[in-house]
Protein backbone atom coordinates (compact mmCIF):
# COMPACT_ATOMS: atom_id res chain seq x y z
CA MET A 1 126.72 95.10 127.75
CA THR A 2 125.69 98.48 126.34
CA GLN A 3 124.14 100.91 128.86
CA ASN A 4 122.48 103.27 126.42
CA ARG A 5 120.53 100.76 124.35
CA GLU A 6 117.51 102.30 122.40
CA LEU A 7 114.61 100.37 121.16
CA VAL A 8 114.37 101.19 117.40
CA ILE A 9 111.40 99.76 115.35
CA TYR A 10 111.45 99.83 111.62
CA THR A 11 107.98 99.32 110.07
CA ASP A 12 106.42 98.96 106.59
CA GLY A 13 103.37 97.82 104.72
CA ALA A 14 102.93 96.31 101.35
CA CYS A 15 99.93 95.75 99.11
CA LYS A 16 99.97 93.95 95.76
CA MET A 17 96.86 95.77 94.54
CA ASN A 18 95.21 98.52 96.42
CA PRO A 19 92.93 97.13 97.70
CA GLY A 20 94.17 93.58 97.45
CA PRO A 21 96.49 91.12 99.24
CA GLY A 22 98.68 92.97 101.69
CA GLY A 23 101.44 92.48 104.29
CA TRP A 24 102.94 94.23 107.21
CA GLY A 25 106.51 93.98 108.64
CA ALA A 26 108.22 95.14 111.71
CA TRP A 27 111.88 94.91 112.64
CA LEU A 28 112.60 95.65 116.36
CA THR A 29 116.15 96.28 117.47
CA TYR A 30 117.49 96.77 120.99
CA GLY A 31 121.20 96.67 121.39
CA ASP A 32 122.42 93.52 119.69
CA LYS A 33 119.07 91.79 119.90
CA SER A 34 116.32 91.94 117.14
CA LEU A 35 112.88 90.65 116.46
CA SER A 36 111.26 90.18 113.14
CA LEU A 37 107.44 90.34 112.85
CA CYS A 38 105.19 90.01 109.80
CA GLY A 39 101.65 89.12 108.79
CA GLY A 40 99.15 90.01 106.19
CA GLU A 41 95.52 89.98 105.00
CA ALA A 42 93.83 88.69 101.84
CA LEU A 43 91.91 91.94 101.25
CA THR A 44 93.27 95.19 102.53
CA THR A 45 94.95 98.52 101.56
CA ASN A 46 98.54 99.76 101.85
CA ASN A 47 97.56 102.30 104.52
CA ARG A 48 95.94 99.61 106.73
CA MET A 49 99.24 97.54 106.47
CA GLU A 50 101.39 100.52 107.30
CA LEU A 51 99.16 101.13 110.37
CA THR A 52 99.02 97.43 111.37
CA ALA A 53 102.88 97.19 111.23
CA VAL A 54 103.17 99.95 113.86
CA ILE A 55 100.41 98.43 116.02
CA GLN A 56 101.83 94.98 115.94
CA ALA A 57 105.28 96.23 116.73
CA LEU A 58 104.15 98.27 119.73
CA LYS A 59 102.03 95.32 120.99
CA ALA A 60 105.23 93.37 121.08
CA VAL A 61 106.84 95.79 123.53
CA LYS A 62 106.09 94.28 126.89
CA ARG A 63 107.18 97.21 129.11
CA PRO A 64 107.15 101.06 128.66
CA VAL A 65 110.50 102.11 127.25
CA PRO A 66 111.35 104.98 124.92
CA VAL A 67 110.77 103.88 121.34
CA THR A 68 111.82 105.31 117.93
CA VAL A 69 109.70 104.22 115.10
CA VAL A 70 111.32 104.55 111.70
CA LEU A 71 108.85 104.44 108.80
CA ASP A 72 108.36 105.54 105.24
CA SER A 73 104.62 106.43 105.64
CA GLN A 74 103.77 110.04 105.71
CA TYR A 75 100.06 108.96 106.28
CA VAL A 76 100.98 107.19 109.56
CA LYS A 77 103.36 109.85 110.84
CA ASN A 78 101.05 112.85 110.03
CA GLY A 79 98.10 110.98 111.37
CA LEU A 80 99.75 110.44 114.71
CA GLU A 81 101.54 113.74 115.02
CA VAL A 82 99.24 116.20 113.33
CA TRP A 83 95.64 114.85 112.51
CA MET A 84 94.68 112.60 115.33
CA ARG A 85 94.30 115.36 117.93
CA ASN A 86 91.60 117.03 115.79
CA TRP A 87 89.99 113.71 114.72
CA LYS A 88 89.46 112.89 118.45
CA ALA A 89 88.17 116.35 119.24
CA ASN A 90 85.77 116.02 116.29
CA GLY A 91 84.41 112.66 117.39
CA TRP A 92 86.61 110.84 114.90
CA LYS A 93 85.50 112.86 111.96
CA THR A 94 87.84 114.66 109.46
CA ALA A 95 87.90 118.40 109.02
CA GLY A 96 85.31 117.88 106.26
CA ARG A 97 83.07 116.06 108.85
CA LYS A 98 83.44 112.65 107.23
CA PRO A 99 84.35 109.45 109.13
CA VAL A 100 88.16 108.85 109.62
CA LYS A 101 89.26 106.11 107.31
CA ASN A 102 90.80 103.21 109.25
CA GLU A 103 89.29 104.49 112.53
CA ASP A 104 89.52 101.04 114.14
CA LEU A 105 93.32 100.93 113.50
CA TRP A 106 93.83 104.50 114.53
CA ARG A 107 91.97 103.90 117.86
CA GLN A 108 94.13 100.88 118.51
CA LEU A 109 97.29 102.99 117.77
CA ASP A 110 96.10 105.80 120.01
CA ASP A 111 95.75 103.36 123.01
CA LEU A 112 99.14 101.88 122.36
CA MET A 113 100.68 105.49 122.14
CA ALA A 114 99.50 106.22 125.56
CA ARG A 115 101.60 103.34 127.03
CA HIS A 116 104.88 104.30 125.35
CA ASP A 117 107.12 107.30 124.83
CA VAL A 118 107.24 107.00 120.99
CA ARG A 119 108.99 109.23 118.59
CA PHE A 120 108.66 108.92 114.84
CA VAL A 121 111.35 109.30 112.08
CA TRP A 122 110.30 109.36 108.46
CA VAL A 123 112.69 107.92 105.92
CA LYS A 124 112.29 107.74 102.07
CA GLY A 125 111.20 104.18 101.14
CA HIS A 126 113.49 102.16 98.95
CA ALA A 127 116.36 104.36 99.34
CA GLY A 128 118.86 102.14 100.91
CA ASN A 129 118.19 102.57 104.68
CA PRO A 130 118.92 99.01 105.95
CA GLY A 131 116.28 98.94 108.62
CA ASN A 132 113.59 100.12 106.13
CA GLU A 133 114.68 97.64 103.53
CA LYS A 134 114.37 94.85 106.23
CA ALA A 135 110.86 96.04 107.19
CA ASP A 136 109.96 96.06 103.46
CA GLU A 137 111.24 92.57 103.04
CA LEU A 138 109.13 91.38 106.04
CA ALA A 139 106.09 93.10 104.81
CA ASN A 140 106.35 91.45 101.42
CA ARG A 141 106.94 88.17 103.22
CA GLY A 142 103.66 88.67 105.17
CA VAL A 143 101.53 89.17 101.95
CA PRO A 144 99.34 86.01 101.59
CA ALA A 145 99.97 84.04 98.48
CA HIS A 146 96.95 83.48 96.17
C-alpha cells in the first residue's frame, strides 16, 4: 500500500457544435484506484462542458483531500486562478461590467473549491497525455446521440 497517494483528476469537455450536443468527462486516480465519470447535455457549449467536468469530479470527492486537476482548458484554469476573484468583487460582473457567462457553473465551482485544496495543471489537449486522452474519450462518450 502506497503512503503518498495523490488524488489526480483529469477533466475534459466536448461539444459537437458550439452550441450543440456536448459531453463532459472526468477520470479520477488515487494510487491504483480510478473512477471514470461522464455525462452530457443536448444543447450546451464547450466551455459549459469543461466547467461541468471539474464540478462533477469535485462532487465525487467525498472528503477533503489535496487534489490536482489536470485540464486542457485555459478558460477554466484562468477563471479560477485569475478572473473569479474580480468577478466576485464586482458582483459577478466582468471588467466590462457585463454579466459573467456561465455564472451558475462558476458559483458551483467556487463553492466546491472552498471544500478542497485544489491545484490546477494545464496540459495541451490531444498531445498524448494519457490522462487527458482518457478524459477526452469520456467526454465524447457523454455526448448525447441525436
